[in-house]
Amino acid sequence: MSPERFLSPDTTSLKICGVTLADDAMRLTALGVEALGANFWPHSKRYLAPERAAFLRELEGRILRVGVFVNADLKLPARLFREGYLDLIQLHGDETPDDVVRLKEAGIPVIKALGVRALADLERASDFQADGILLDAHAPGVYGGTGETIDWTLARRFVEENPALPVILAGGITPDNAAAAVSAVRPAALDIASGAEESPGVKDFGKVAALLAACGQ
């Protein structure tokens, strides 16, 4: 799975985020999940320390490996990408357009996450020139993983007004509402953490199977 295929608007891909266990990563791969997310923000309850991330290297070419970073020194995501741990970087904090440019100039594909409360929060999306924009619930100081939904009407409007910009929808998506999210927003991908878990960082594969079905897989 390449970043380009994952971000294609032709279908809705599935990214299971907050993976902390090698066994979970292997099972996601075996099920055909397109992407997994590993959270390298130390304050996350789904934190994966870089020294515990060796299993990601073993999955190269089998599943898209997305590294999630919050206000990190950009040397860390660049190093993990360069050393073969990651295929795509997700900046989920207060990063600037310049931060995105620095990574892209190094040949690293980047998703930028935005917390959405109102239409005004989306007006700066194009400033980042990212490979994709992730729309999540606005959660100051928490930076995602809250299980709160966003206004899907705003998300759909953003998708329609930016047809060339891949949009990943996050925030409060579960097996119960995933199909409705796909239908309402038509995103390039769903990004799900708490909605696919038994507990933070431990995946529930019954939920994962239902989410795959909701994405038409």
Protein backbone atom coordinates (compact mmCIF):
# COMPACT_ATOMS: atom_id res chain seq x y z
CA MET A 1 0.00 0.00 0.00
CA SER A 2 1.48 3.31 -1.13
CA PRO A 3 0.54 6.71 0.29
CA GLU A 4 -0.95 7.60 -3.09
CA ARG A 5 -3.26 4.57 -3.08
CA PHE A 6 -4.24 5.10 0.54
CA LEU A 7 -5.15 8.71 -0.20
CA SER A 8 -6.99 7.99 -3.44
CA PRO A 9 -10.58 9.32 -3.46
CA ASP A 10 -11.76 6.34 -5.52
CA THR A 11 -12.42 4.26 -2.41
CA THR A 12 -12.46 4.85 1.35
CA SER A 13 -9.40 3.29 2.94
CA LEU A 14 -9.14 2.31 6.60
CA LYS A 15 -6.40 3.38 9.01
CA ILE A 16 -6.36 1.85 12.49
CA CYS A 17 -4.43 4.23 14.71
CA GLY A 18 -2.81 3.89 18.11
CA VAL A 19 -1.19 0.51 17.45
CA THR A 20 1.19 -0.43 20.26
CA LEU A 21 1.53 -4.22 19.93
CA ALA A 22 3.41 -6.19 17.30
CA ASP A 23 0.76 -8.94 17.31
CA ASP A 24 -1.98 -6.40 16.63
CA ALA A 25 0.02 -4.94 13.75
CA MET A 26 0.48 -8.38 12.21
CA ARG A 27 -3.24 -9.17 12.52
CA LEU A 28 -4.23 -5.87 10.95
CA THR A 29 -1.92 -6.67 8.05
CA ALA A 30 -3.34 -10.17 7.66
CA LEU A 31 -6.90 -8.78 7.58
CA GLY A 32 -6.02 -6.44 4.74
CA VAL A 33 -6.31 -3.16 6.64
CA GLU A 34 -4.66 -0.55 4.42
CA ALA A 35 -2.85 1.46 7.09
CA LEU A 36 -1.88 1.48 10.74
CA GLY A 37 -0.91 4.43 12.87
CA ALA A 38 1.77 4.44 15.55
CA ASN A 39 1.63 7.35 17.99
CA PHE A 40 5.02 8.75 18.92
CA TRP A 41 3.67 11.51 21.20
CA PRO A 42 4.88 10.67 24.72
CA HIS A 43 1.74 12.08 26.36
CA SER A 44 -0.62 9.82 24.44
CA LYS A 45 -2.22 6.85 26.20
CA ARG A 46 -1.36 4.99 22.99
CA TYR A 47 2.28 6.05 22.98
CA LEU A 48 4.75 3.80 21.19
CA ALA A 49 8.34 4.53 22.17
CA PRO A 50 10.67 4.49 19.15
CA GLU A 51 12.82 1.81 20.78
CA ARG A 52 9.74 -0.47 20.87
CA ALA A 53 8.81 0.13 17.23
CA ALA A 54 11.11 -2.40 15.56
CA PHE A 55 8.11 -4.49 14.46
CA LEU A 56 7.14 -1.69 12.07
CA ARG A 57 10.20 -2.35 9.96
CA GLU A 58 9.11 -5.94 9.46
CA LEU A 59 5.87 -4.77 7.86
CA GLU A 60 7.46 -2.75 5.07
CA GLY A 61 5.51 -3.16 1.85
CA ARG A 62 2.67 -5.07 3.54
CA ILE A 63 0.69 -2.26 5.19
CA LEU A 64 1.06 1.50 5.11
CA ARG A 65 2.87 2.58 8.28
CA VAL A 66 1.89 6.05 9.49
CA GLY A 67 3.79 7.78 12.27
CA VAL A 68 1.79 10.26 14.36
CA PHE A 69 3.73 13.16 15.89
CA VAL A 70 2.64 16.11 18.03
CA ASN A 71 4.88 19.19 18.08
CA ALA A 72 7.94 16.97 17.76
CA ASP A 73 11.45 17.91 16.74
CA LEU A 74 11.22 17.07 13.03
CA LYS A 75 14.47 15.14 13.25
CA LEU A 76 12.54 12.27 14.86
CA PRO A 77 9.96 11.62 12.12
CA ALA A 78 12.63 12.18 9.47
CA ARG A 79 14.90 9.61 11.12
CA LEU A 80 12.17 6.99 11.53
CA PHE A 81 11.16 7.46 7.89
CA ARG A 82 14.74 7.28 6.68
CA GLU A 83 15.47 4.15 8.73
CA GLY A 84 12.50 2.28 7.25
CA TYR A 85 10.00 2.36 10.11
CA LEU A 86 7.43 4.59 8.42
CA ASP A 87 5.89 5.34 5.02
CA LEU A 88 3.93 8.47 5.89
CA ILE A 89 4.11 11.16 8.58
CA GLN A 90 1.04 12.57 10.32
CA LEU A 91 1.53 15.89 12.08
CA HIS A 92 -1.20 16.13 14.70
CA GLY A 93 -0.20 19.13 16.77
CA ASP A 94 0.36 22.84 16.24
CA GLU A 95 2.84 22.43 13.40
CA THR A 96 3.19 25.16 10.80
CA PRO A 97 3.14 25.05 7.00
CA ASP A 98 6.92 25.47 7.15
CA ASP A 99 7.17 22.24 9.14
CA VAL A 100 5.29 20.40 6.40
CA VAL A 101 7.50 21.95 3.73
CA ARG A 102 10.67 20.88 5.54
CA LEU A 103 9.57 17.25 5.58
CA LYS A 104 8.30 17.28 2.00
CA GLU A 105 11.56 18.81 0.79
CA ALA A 106 13.26 15.78 2.34
CA GLY A 107 11.06 13.52 0.22
CA ILE A 108 8.72 12.55 3.08
CA PRO A 109 4.94 12.44 2.46
CA VAL A 110 2.92 14.28 5.10
CA ILE A 111 -0.65 14.39 6.40
CA LYS A 112 -1.63 17.42 8.51
CA ALA A 113 -4.38 17.03 11.09
CA LEU A 114 -6.76 19.87 11.88
CA GLY A 115 -9.10 20.12 14.86
CA VAL A 116 -12.52 21.18 13.54
CA ARG A 117 -15.11 23.21 15.44
CA ALA A 118 -16.37 25.45 12.63
CA LEU A 119 -15.79 26.24 8.98
CA ALA A 120 -13.14 28.80 9.92
CA ASP A 121 -10.91 25.99 11.20
CA LEU A 122 -10.71 24.63 7.65
CA GLU A 123 -9.73 27.86 5.94
CA ARG A 124 -6.03 27.30 6.58
CA ALA A 125 -5.94 23.74 5.25
CA SER A 126 -4.50 24.67 1.86
CA ASP A 127 -1.69 26.66 3.52
CA PHE A 128 -0.01 23.43 4.56
CA GLN A 129 0.39 21.96 1.05
CA ALA A 130 0.22 18.54 2.69
CA ASP A 131 -0.39 15.29 0.82
CA GLY A 132 -3.64 14.94 2.77
CA ILE A 133 -5.65 16.70 5.45
CA LEU A 134 -7.03 14.82 8.45
CA LEU A 135 -10.16 16.28 10.03
CA ASP A 136 -10.52 15.51 13.75
CA ALA A 137 -12.44 16.83 16.72
CA HIS A 138 -11.08 20.00 18.28
CA ALA A 139 -9.39 18.94 21.52
CA PRO A 140 -6.89 21.51 22.85
CA GLY A 141 -3.99 19.85 24.62
CA VAL A 142 -5.26 16.35 23.82
CA TYR A 143 -4.54 16.17 20.07
CA GLY A 144 -6.93 13.43 19.00
CA GLY A 145 -8.03 10.08 20.32
CA THR A 146 -10.92 11.58 22.28
CA GLY A 147 -13.74 9.64 20.65
CA GLU A 148 -15.58 12.91 19.90
CA THR A 149 -17.15 13.36 16.47
CA ILE A 150 -16.96 16.39 14.22
CA ASP A 151 -19.69 18.00 12.12
CA TRP A 152 -19.87 15.71 9.10
CA THR A 153 -21.74 18.38 7.13
CA LEU A 154 -18.71 20.65 7.41
CA ALA A 155 -16.43 17.77 6.44
CA ARG A 156 -18.52 16.93 3.37
CA ARG A 157 -18.53 20.58 2.30
CA PHE A 158 -14.76 20.67 2.64
CA VAL A 159 -14.40 17.50 0.53
CA GLU A 160 -16.64 18.93 -2.18
CA GLU A 161 -14.82 22.28 -2.24
CA ASN A 162 -11.36 20.67 -2.34
CA PRO A 163 -11.67 17.76 -4.79
CA ALA A 164 -7.91 17.55 -5.37
CA LEU A 165 -7.03 17.37 -1.66
CA PRO A 166 -7.32 13.92 -0.03
CA VAL A 167 -9.33 14.08 3.19
CA ILE A 168 -9.05 11.61 6.07
CA LEU A 169 -11.98 11.64 8.48
CA ALA A 170 -11.33 10.99 12.19
CA GLY A 171 -13.13 11.64 15.46
CA GLY A 172 -15.58 9.34 17.17
CA ILE A 173 -15.96 6.81 14.36
CA THR A 174 -17.08 3.34 15.48
CA PRO A 175 -18.51 0.22 13.83
CA ASP A 176 -21.95 1.67 14.54
CA ASN A 177 -21.50 4.87 12.55
CA ALA A 178 -18.64 4.16 10.12
CA ALA A 179 -20.87 3.34 7.15
CA ALA A 180 -22.85 6.53 7.77
CA ALA A 181 -19.59 8.50 7.94
CA VAL A 182 -18.45 7.11 4.60
CA SER A 183 -21.81 7.90 3.01
CA ALA A 184 -22.07 11.39 4.50
CA VAL A 185 -18.54 12.63 3.87
CA ARG A 186 -17.00 10.44 1.13
CA PRO A 187 -13.48 10.76 2.56
CA ALA A 188 -10.39 9.15 1.09
CA ALA A 189 -9.93 7.30 4.38
CA LEU A 190 -11.29 6.77 7.87
CA ASP A 191 -8.87 7.07 10.78
CA ILE A 192 -9.99 5.19 13.89
CA ALA A 193 -8.34 4.67 17.28
CA SER A 194 -10.75 4.34 20.20
CA GLY A 195 -13.50 2.93 17.96
CA ALA A 196 -11.38 -0.14 17.20
CA GLU A 197 -10.12 -0.94 20.69
CA GLU A 198 -10.63 -3.16 23.71
CA SER A 199 -8.58 -0.64 25.72
CA PRO A 200 -6.17 2.14 24.72
CA GLY A 201 -3.55 0.67 22.40
CA VAL A 202 -5.12 -2.83 22.32
CA LYS A 203 -7.22 -3.58 19.25
CA ASP A 204 -10.60 -5.34 19.09
CA PHE A 205 -10.63 -7.40 15.90
CA GLY A 206 -14.37 -7.88 15.84
CA LYS A 207 -14.62 -4.10 15.60
CA VAL A 208 -11.87 -4.00 12.98
CA ALA A 209 -13.74 -6.51 10.80
CA ALA A 210 -16.93 -4.45 11.09
CA LEU A 211 -15.03 -1.28 10.15
CA LEU A 212 -13.58 -2.97 7.08
CA ALA A 213 -17.07 -3.97 6.04
CA ALA A 214 -18.31 -0.42 6.54
CA CYS A 215 -15.61 0.75 4.16
CA GLY A 216 -16.83 -1.73 1.56
CA GLN A 217 -14.08 -4.28 2.03
